[in-house]
């Protein structure tokens, strides 16, 4: 218009959905030819307000672009920091894995060395034990053989002594029998002598009584 007013017909985004729905409902309720204007709405806007709105939109777009650029920069920075931290963590993990691997290898080597030393000691002990067992077995066998020989000698000596004892016993019995016979004969002789003396004494006593 001549006063600078601008007529806008149904510019989408300037009117709210609630006001459009209310206008449509009012037109339908009136039932006249105004229903053909339901899809369009006439709004009177000042040029200065429109220019202000346009400047605000440009400012918002600029702010939006700046924020988007800042967001992308922050995202790139965070991504770079994240990648750097991940790389650093991987390096630490790799160093720790290498250290643990080195320790494990050292432990394995020490364990293998101890196992070999234990096997060597056990082998030496087994060899020494077998040698000692063999020596003890030989010593025991020699001792048993010596004891068997000693037993055989003692048994032979026992048999010899037994035979000697039996022979001596026979001889002693024979000697005792001879001495007994001799003693019996000596006793008979002495008894006879005593009887003779007694008889002589009786005869002498009888003679003396008869004479005196």
C-alpha atoms as a PDB file:
ATOM      1  CA  UNK A   1       0.000   0.000   0.000  1.00  0.00           C
ATOM      2  CA  UNK A   2       0.988   3.655  -0.164  1.00  0.00           C
ATOM      3  CA  UNK A   3       1.677   3.744   3.601  1.00  0.00           C
ATOM      4  CA  UNK A   4       4.236   0.970   3.337  1.00  0.00           C
ATOM      5  CA  UNK A   5       1.938  -1.853   4.463  1.00  0.00           C
ATOM      6  CA  UNK A   6       2.351  -5.259   2.869  1.00  0.00           C
ATOM      7  CA  UNK A   7      -0.434  -7.743   2.435  1.00  0.00           C
ATOM      8  CA  UNK A   8       0.639 -11.365   2.886  1.00  0.00           C
ATOM      9  CA  UNK A   9      -1.623 -14.212   1.941  1.00  0.00           C
ATOM     10  CA  UNK A  10      -1.139 -17.386   3.957  1.00  0.00           C
ATOM     11  CA  UNK A  11       2.587 -17.278   4.464  1.00  0.00           C
ATOM     12  CA  UNK A  12       3.324 -20.567   6.069  1.00  0.00           C
ATOM     13  CA  UNK A  13       5.104 -20.313   9.371  1.00  0.00           C
ATOM     14  CA  UNK A  14       3.730 -16.828  10.352  1.00  0.00           C
ATOM     15  CA  UNK A  15       0.373 -18.023  11.639  1.00  0.00           C
ATOM     16  CA  UNK A  16      -0.026 -20.654  14.321  1.00  0.00           C
ATOM     17  CA  UNK A  17      -1.829 -23.899  13.686  1.00  0.00           C
ATOM     18  CA  UNK A  18      -4.373 -23.082  16.406  1.00  0.00           C
ATOM     19  CA  UNK A  19      -5.433 -19.774  14.769  1.00  0.00           C
ATOM     20  CA  UNK A  20      -5.710 -21.392  11.310  1.00  0.00           C
ATOM     21  CA  UNK A  21      -7.814 -24.221  12.749  1.00  0.00           C
ATOM     22  CA  UNK A  22     -10.044 -21.705  14.573  1.00  0.00           C
ATOM     23  CA  UNK A  23     -10.559 -19.601  11.395  1.00  0.00           C
ATOM     24  CA  UNK A  24     -11.373 -22.728   9.404  1.00  0.00           C
ATOM     25  CA  UNK A  25     -13.898 -23.800  11.999  1.00  0.00           C
ATOM     26  CA  UNK A  26     -15.536 -20.330  12.023  1.00  0.00           C
ATOM     27  CA  UNK A  27     -15.826 -20.245   8.240  1.00  0.00           C
ATOM     28  CA  UNK A  28     -17.386 -23.662   8.154  1.00  0.00           C
ATOM     29  CA  UNK A  29     -19.892 -22.699  10.810  1.00  0.00           C
ATOM     30  CA  UNK A  30     -20.933 -19.510   8.880  1.00  0.00           C
ATOM     31  CA  UNK A  31     -21.774 -21.571   5.784  1.00  0.00           C
ATOM     32  CA  UNK A  32     -21.346 -18.566   3.331  1.00  0.00           C
ATOM     33  CA  UNK A  33     -18.965 -18.096   0.407  1.00  0.00           C
ATOM     34  CA  UNK A  34     -16.179 -17.095   2.752  1.00  0.00           C
ATOM     35  CA  UNK A  35     -15.293 -20.786   2.989  1.00  0.00           C
ATOM     36  CA  UNK A  36     -13.247 -20.392  -0.160  1.00  0.00           C
ATOM     37  CA  UNK A  37     -10.846 -18.206   1.858  1.00  0.00           C
ATOM     38  CA  UNK A  38     -10.180 -20.963   4.413  1.00  0.00           C
ATOM     39  CA  UNK A  39      -6.942 -21.962   2.738  1.00  0.00           C
ATOM     40  CA  UNK A  40      -5.682 -18.361   2.750  1.00  0.00           C
ATOM     41  CA  UNK A  41      -5.550 -15.699   5.410  1.00  0.00           C
ATOM     42  CA  UNK A  42      -4.819 -12.057   4.889  1.00  0.00           C
ATOM     43  CA  UNK A  43      -2.295 -10.593   7.391  1.00  0.00           C
ATOM     44  CA  UNK A  44      -1.218  -6.992   7.549  1.00  0.00           C
ATOM     45  CA  UNK A  45       2.500  -6.647   8.393  1.00  0.00           C
ATOM     46  CA  UNK A  46       4.637  -3.519   8.631  1.00  0.00           C
ATOM     47  CA  UNK A  47       7.670  -3.385   6.334  1.00  0.00           C
ATOM     48  CA  UNK A  48       9.887  -2.475   9.286  1.00  0.00           C
ATOM     49  CA  UNK A  49       8.616  -5.495  11.213  1.00  0.00           C
ATOM     50  CA  UNK A  50       9.163  -7.714   8.182  1.00  0.00           C
ATOM     51  CA  UNK A  51      12.674  -6.322   7.736  1.00  0.00           C
ATOM     52  CA  UNK A  52      13.261  -6.882  11.445  1.00  0.00           C
ATOM     53  CA  UNK A  53      12.016 -10.422  11.130  1.00  0.00           C
ATOM     54  CA  UNK A  54      14.265 -10.958   8.118  1.00  0.00           C
ATOM     55  CA  UNK A  55      17.254  -9.565  10.017  1.00  0.00           C
ATOM     56  CA  UNK A  56      16.418 -11.775  12.958  1.00  0.00           C
ATOM     57  CA  UNK A  57      16.224 -14.787  10.643  1.00  0.00           C
ATOM     58  CA  UNK A  58      19.586 -13.861   9.113  1.00  0.00           C
ATOM     59  CA  UNK A  59      21.053 -13.413  12.599  1.00  0.00           C
ATOM     60  CA  UNK A  60      19.621 -16.714  13.711  1.00  0.00           C
ATOM     61  CA  UNK A  61      20.976 -18.408  10.582  1.00  0.00           C
ATOM     62  CA  UNK A  62      24.386 -16.832  11.209  1.00  0.00           C
ATOM     63  CA  UNK A  63      24.282 -17.860  14.874  1.00  0.00           C
ATOM     64  CA  UNK A  64      23.129 -21.297  13.819  1.00  0.00           C
ATOM     65  CA  UNK A  65      25.995 -21.593  11.344  1.00  0.00           C
ATOM     66  CA  UNK A  66      28.461 -20.336  13.953  1.00  0.00           C
ATOM     67  CA  UNK A  67      27.116 -22.754  16.532  1.00  0.00           C
ATOM     68  CA  UNK A  68      27.190 -25.534  14.002  1.00  0.00           C
ATOM     69  CA  UNK A  69      30.779 -24.634  13.113  1.00  0.00           C
ATOM     70  CA  UNK A  70      31.694 -24.488  16.803  1.00  0.00           C
ATOM     71  CA  UNK A  71      29.934 -27.779  17.366  1.00  0.00           C
ATOM     72  CA  UNK A  72      31.861 -29.344  14.493  1.00  0.00           C
ATOM     73  CA  UNK A  73      35.106 -27.875  15.825  1.00  0.00           C
ATOM     74  CA  UNK A  74      34.351 -29.151  19.312  1.00  0.00           C
ATOM     75  CA  UNK A  75      33.382 -32.519  17.853  1.00  0.00           C
ATOM     76  CA  UNK A  76      36.608 -32.666  15.845  1.00  0.00           C
ATOM     77  CA  UNK A  77      38.596 -31.588  18.905  1.00  0.00           C
ATOM     78  CA  UNK A  78      36.881 -34.145  21.127  1.00  0.00           C
ATOM     79  CA  UNK A  79      37.385 -36.783  18.437  1.00  0.00           C
ATOM     80  CA  UNK A  80      41.071 -35.898  18.206  1.00  0.00           C
ATOM     81  CA  UNK A  81      41.422 -35.922  22.011  1.00  0.00           C
ATOM     82  CA  UNK A  82      39.563 -39.220  22.180  1.00  0.00           C
ATOM     83  CA  UNK A  83      41.791 -40.736  19.511  1.00  0.00           C
ATOM     84  CA  UNK A  84      44.882 -39.390  21.292  1.00  0.00           C
ATOM     85  CA  UNK A  85      43.716 -40.841  24.620  1.00  0.00           C
ATOM     86  CA  UNK A  86      42.864 -44.128  22.936  1.00  0.00           C
ATOM     87  CA  UNK A  87      46.302 -44.195  21.293  1.00  0.00           C
ATOM     88  CA  UNK A  88      47.951 -43.354  24.622  1.00  0.00           C
ATOM     89  CA  UNK A  89      45.906 -46.013  26.388  1.00  0.00           C
ATOM     90  CA  UNK A  90      46.845 -48.507  23.677  1.00  0.00           C
ATOM     91  CA  UNK A  91      50.498 -47.604  24.082  1.00  0.00           C
ATOM     92  CA  UNK A  92      50.243 -48.046  27.863  1.00  0.00           C
ATOM     93  CA  UNK A  93      48.374 -51.317  27.413  1.00  0.00           C
ATOM     94  CA  UNK A  94      50.935 -52.487  24.862  1.00  0.00           C
ATOM     95  CA  UNK A  95      53.786 -51.537  27.198  1.00  0.00           C
ATOM     96  CA  UNK A  96      52.046 -53.291  30.093  1.00  0.00           C
ATOM     97  CA  UNK A  97      51.391 -56.338  27.906  1.00  0.00           C
ATOM     98  CA  UNK A  98      55.044 -56.406  26.878  1.00  0.00           C
ATOM     99  CA  UNK A  99      56.134 -56.088  30.517  1.00  0.00           C
ATOM    100  CA  UNK A 100      53.745 -58.842  31.582  1.00  0.00           C
ATOM    101  CA  UNK A 101      54.918 -60.981  28.681  1.00  0.00           C
ATOM    102  CA  UNK A 102      58.526 -60.385  29.735  1.00  0.00           C
ATOM    103  CA  UNK A 103      57.682 -61.305  33.333  1.00  0.00           C
ATOM    104  CA  UNK A 104      55.783 -64.374  32.173  1.00  0.00           C
ATOM    105  CA  UNK A 105      58.716 -65.454  30.010  1.00  0.00           C
ATOM    106  CA  UNK A 106      61.061 -64.883  32.943  1.00  0.00           C
ATOM    107  CA  UNK A 107      58.798 -66.904  35.227  1.00  0.00           C
ATOM    108  CA  UNK A 108      58.554 -69.647  32.592  1.00  0.00           C
ATOM    109  CA  UNK A 109      62.322 -69.753  32.237  1.00  0.00           C
ATOM    110  CA  UNK A 110      62.801 -69.824  36.005  1.00  0.00           C
ATOM    111  CA  UNK A 111      60.123 -72.499  36.333  1.00  0.00           C
ATOM    112  CA  UNK A 112      61.716 -74.579  33.584  1.00  0.00           C
ATOM    113  CA  UNK A 113      65.127 -74.157  35.201  1.00  0.00           C
ATOM    114  CA  UNK A 114      63.721 -75.233  38.567  1.00  0.00           C
ATOM    115  CA  UNK A 115      61.956 -78.167  36.922  1.00  0.00           C
ATOM    116  CA  UNK A 116      65.201 -79.240  35.238  1.00  0.00           C
ATOM    117  CA  UNK A 117      67.082 -78.827  38.516  1.00  0.00           C
ATOM    118  CA  UNK A 118      64.406 -80.820  40.348  1.00  0.00           C
ATOM    119  CA  UNK A 119      64.568 -83.525  37.678  1.00  0.00           C
ATOM    120  CA  UNK A 120      68.356 -83.590  37.965  1.00  0.00           C
ATOM    121  CA  UNK A 121      68.181 -83.821  41.755  1.00  0.00           C
ATOM    122  CA  UNK A 122      65.502 -86.519  41.585  1.00  0.00           C
ATOM    123  CA  UNK A 123      67.514 -88.412  38.985  1.00  0.00           C
ATOM    124  CA  UNK A 124      70.626 -88.146  41.143  1.00  0.00           C
ATOM    125  CA  UNK A 125      68.694 -89.219  44.227  1.00  0.00           C
ATOM    126  CA  UNK A 126      67.142 -92.108  42.316  1.00  0.00           C
ATOM    127  CA  UNK A 127      70.561 -93.172  41.031  1.00  0.00           C
ATOM    128  CA  UNK A 128      72.069 -92.859  44.512  1.00  0.00           C
ATOM    129  CA  UNK A 129      69.122 -94.751  45.979  1.00  0.00           C
ATOM    130  CA  UNK A 130      69.440 -97.511  43.408  1.00  0.00           C
ATOM    131  CA  UNK A 131      73.194 -97.700  44.012  1.00  0.00           C
ATOM    132  CA  UNK A 132      72.715 -97.758  47.791  1.00  0.00           C
ATOM    133  CA  UNK A 133      69.916-100.310  47.438  1.00  0.00           C
ATOM    134  CA  UNK A 134      72.164-102.475  45.277  1.00  0.00           C
ATOM    135  CA  UNK A 135      75.009-102.187  47.761  1.00  0.00           C
ATOM    136  CA  UNK A 136      72.725-102.991  50.676  1.00  0.00           C
ATOM    137  CA  UNK A 137      71.289-105.934  48.752  1.00  0.00           C
ATOM    138  CA  UNK A 138      74.758-107.283  48.028  1.00  0.00           C
ATOM    139  CA  UNK A 139      75.791-106.715  51.635  1.00  0.00           C
ATOM    140  CA  UNK A 140      72.648-108.451  52.848  1.00  0.00           C
ATOM    141  CA  UNK A 141      73.223-111.362  50.508  1.00  0.00           C
ATOM    142  CA  UNK A 142      76.827-111.688  51.653  1.00  0.00           C
ATOM    143  CA  UNK A 143      75.699-111.477  55.267  1.00  0.00           C
ATOM    144  CA  UNK A 144      73.039-114.108  54.655  1.00  0.00           C
ATOM    145  CA  UNK A 145      75.589-116.350  52.966  1.00  0.00           C
ATOM    146  CA  UNK A 146      77.987-115.785  55.850  1.00  0.00           C
ATOM    147  CA  UNK A 147      75.260-116.542  58.360  1.00  0.00           C
ATOM    148  CA  UNK A 148      74.301-119.660  56.400  1.00  0.00           C
ATOM    149  CA  UNK A 149      77.913-120.802  56.397  1.00  0.00           C
ATOM    150  CA  UNK A 150      78.152-120.026  60.090  1.00  0.00           C
ATOM    151  CA  UNK A 151      74.925-121.889  60.741  1.00  0.00           C
ATOM    152  CA  UNK A 152      76.175-124.889  58.766  1.00  0.00           C
ATOM    153  CA  UNK A 153      79.429-124.807  60.737  1.00  0.00           C
ATOM    154  CA  UNK A 154      77.566-124.521  64.031  1.00  0.00           C
ATOM    155  CA  UNK A 155      75.212-127.309  62.983  1.00  0.00           C
ATOM    156  CA  UNK A 156      78.166-129.530  62.098  1.00  0.00           C
ATOM    157  CA  UNK A 157      79.815-128.653  65.426  1.00  0.00           C
ATOM    158  CA  UNK A 158      76.546-129.414  67.214  1.00  0.00           C
ATOM    159  CA  UNK A 159      76.302-132.797  65.517  1.00  0.00           C
ATOM    160  CA  UNK A 160      79.927-133.510  66.352  1.00  0.00           C
ATOM    161  CA  UNK A 161      79.404-132.478  69.965  1.00  0.00           C
ATOM    162  CA  UNK A 162      76.215-134.523  70.096  1.00  0.00           C
ATOM    163  CA  UNK A 163      78.047-137.566  68.817  1.00  0.00           C
ATOM    164  CA  UNK A 164      80.888-136.904  71.239  1.00  0.00           C
ATOM    165  CA  UNK A 165      78.439-136.494  74.099  1.00  0.00           C
ATOM    166  CA  UNK A 166      76.719-139.756  73.188  1.00  0.00           C
ATOM    167  CA  UNK A 167      80.063-141.537  72.909  1.00  0.00           C
ATOM    168  CA  UNK A 168      81.234-140.046  76.188  1.00  0.00           C
ATOM    169  CA  UNK A 169      77.944-141.002  77.807  1.00  0.00           C
ATOM    170  CA  UNK A 170      78.399-144.594  76.647  1.00  0.00           C
ATOM    171  CA  UNK A 171      81.941-144.603  77.910  1.00  0.00           C
ATOM    172  CA  UNK A 172      80.889-143.094  81.232  1.00  0.00           C
ATOM    173  CA  UNK A 173      78.119-145.644  81.593  1.00  0.00           C
ATOM    174  CA  UNK A 174      80.546-148.441  80.834  1.00  0.00           C
ATOM    175  CA  UNK A 175      83.056-146.973  83.259  1.00  0.00           C
ATOM    176  CA  UNK A 176      80.344-146.625  85.900  1.00  0.00           C
ATOM    177  CA  UNK A 177      79.265-150.207  85.282  1.00  0.00           C
ATOM    178  CA  UNK A 178      82.834-151.427  85.668  1.00  0.00           C
ATOM    179  CA  UNK A 179      83.341-149.339  88.778  1.00  0.00           C
ATOM    180  CA  UNK A 180      80.039-150.599  90.144  1.00  0.00           C
ATOM    181  CA  UNK A 181      81.046-154.184  89.561  1.00  0.00           C
ATOM    182  CA  UNK A 182      84.408-153.523  91.085  1.00  0.00           C
ATOM    183  CA  UNK A 183      82.790-151.788  94.029  1.00  0.00           C
ATOM    184  CA  UNK A 184      80.411-154.714  94.439  1.00  0.00           C
ATOM    185  CA  UNK A 185      83.284-157.169  94.393  1.00  0.00           C
ATOM    186  CA  UNK A 186      85.273-155.011  96.829  1.00  0.00           C
ATOM    187  CA  UNK A 187      82.224-154.740  99.063  1.00  0.00           C
ATOM    188  CA  UNK A 188      81.716-158.507  98.972  1.00  0.00           C
ATOM    189  CA  UNK A 189      85.386-159.068  99.777  1.00  0.00           C
ATOM    190  CA  UNK A 190      85.260-156.643 102.674  1.00  0.00           C
ATOM    191  CA  UNK A 191      81.993-158.102 103.926  1.00  0.00           C
ATOM    192  CA  UNK A 192      83.568-161.563 103.767  1.00  0.00           C
ATOM    193  CA  UNK A 193      86.608-160.311 105.655  1.00  0.00           C
ATOM    194  CA  UNK A 194      84.362-158.713 108.268  1.00  0.00           C
ATOM    195  CA  UNK A 195      82.349-161.910 108.557  1.00  0.00           C
ATOM    196  CA  UNK A 196      85.569-163.865 108.958  1.00  0.00           C
ATOM    197  CA  UNK A 197      86.827-161.479 111.635  1.00  0.00           C
ATOM    198  CA  UNK A 198      83.451-161.645 113.390  1.00  0.00           C
ATOM    199  CA  UNK A 199      83.530-165.454 113.202  1.00  0.00           C
ATOM    200  CA  UNK A 200      87.067-165.505 114.612  1.00  0.00           C
ATOM    201  CA  UNK A 201      86.045-163.124 117.367  1.00  0.00           C
ATOM    202  CA  UNK A 202      83.072-165.313 118.245  1.00  0.00           C
ATOM    203  CA  UNK A 203      85.269-168.376 118.253  1.00  0.00           C
ATOM    204  CA  UNK A 204      87.750-166.586 120.508  1.00  0.00           C
ATOM    205  CA  UNK A 205      84.978-165.497 122.862  1.00  0.00           C
ATOM    206  CA  UNK A 206      83.582-169.017 122.966  1.00  0.00           C
ATOM    207  CA  UNK A 207      87.041-170.466 123.660  1.00  0.00           C
ATOM    208  CA  UNK A 208      87.648-167.986 126.417  1.00  0.00           C
ATOM    209  CA  UNK A 209      84.309-168.764 128.035  1.00  0.00           C
ATOM    210  CA  UNK A 210      84.882-172.469 127.746  1.00  0.00           C
ATOM    211  CA  UNK A 211      88.352-172.285 129.196  1.00  0.00           C
ATOM    212  CA  UNK A 212      87.682-169.947 132.084  1.00  0.00           C
END
